[in-house]
Amino acid sequence: MVKRDIVQVKNPKSGHYVKIDRSIGKILDHKKSEGPYKNVPIARKRNR
């Protein structure tokens, strides 16, 4: 089993959370209910 680099971010327009796979750069899923996903880290802003 391969460990995937999955994080979640909050969509500012809808206010819901979106799950993203950073290794392939695609959106996997979005929540229809309020609040973040459980056991999925929230992405922080990167320092450049």
Protein backbone atom coordinates (compact mmCIF):
# COMPACT_ATOMS: atom_id res chain seq x y z
CA MET A 1 0.00 0.00 0.00
CA VAL A 2 1.34 3.41 -1.00
CA LYS A 3 1.07 6.33 1.40
CA ARG A 4 -0.54 9.19 -0.51
CA ASP A 5 0.04 12.88 0.19
CA ILE A 6 -3.56 13.91 0.86
CA VAL A 7 -4.46 17.21 2.52
CA GLN A 8 -7.55 19.37 2.86
CA VAL A 9 -8.12 23.07 2.32
CA LYS A 10 -11.13 25.31 2.87
CA ASN A 11 -12.82 26.71 -0.22
CA PRO A 12 -13.28 30.43 0.48
CA LYS A 13 -16.32 30.78 -1.81
CA SER A 14 -18.40 27.86 -0.52
CA GLY A 15 -16.92 27.57 2.98
CA HIS A 16 -16.65 23.78 2.60
CA TYR A 17 -13.51 21.65 2.73
CA VAL A 18 -11.90 20.05 -0.33
CA LYS A 19 -9.63 16.99 -0.25
CA ILE A 20 -6.54 17.24 -2.52
CA ASP A 21 -3.90 14.66 -3.50
CA ARG A 22 -0.66 16.67 -3.67
CA SER A 23 1.33 13.89 -5.38
CA ILE A 24 -0.85 14.03 -8.53
CA GLY A 25 -2.22 17.55 -8.01
CA LYS A 26 -5.92 16.70 -8.27
CA ILE A 27 -9.02 17.37 -6.20
CA LEU A 28 -10.35 14.06 -4.89
CA ASP A 29 -13.52 15.01 -3.04
CA HIS A 30 -15.46 17.88 -1.51
CA LYS A 31 -17.62 17.94 1.60
CA LYS A 32 -21.26 18.79 1.36
CA SER A 33 -21.63 19.17 5.14
CA GLU A 34 -19.94 21.69 7.44
CA GLY A 35 -16.57 21.18 9.11
CA PRO A 36 -13.29 19.55 8.11
CA TYR A 37 -12.60 15.91 7.30
CA LYS A 38 -11.49 13.73 10.21
CA ASN A 39 -7.92 12.35 10.19
CA VAL A 40 -6.87 14.43 7.14
CA PRO A 41 -4.27 17.18 7.73
CA ILE A 42 -5.17 20.77 6.86
CA ALA A 43 -2.71 22.32 4.40
CA ARG A 44 -0.87 25.39 5.63
CA LYS A 45 0.59 28.18 3.52
CA ARG A 46 4.08 27.50 2.21
CA ASN A 47 7.07 29.77 2.76
CA ARG A 48 8.84 30.48 -0.51
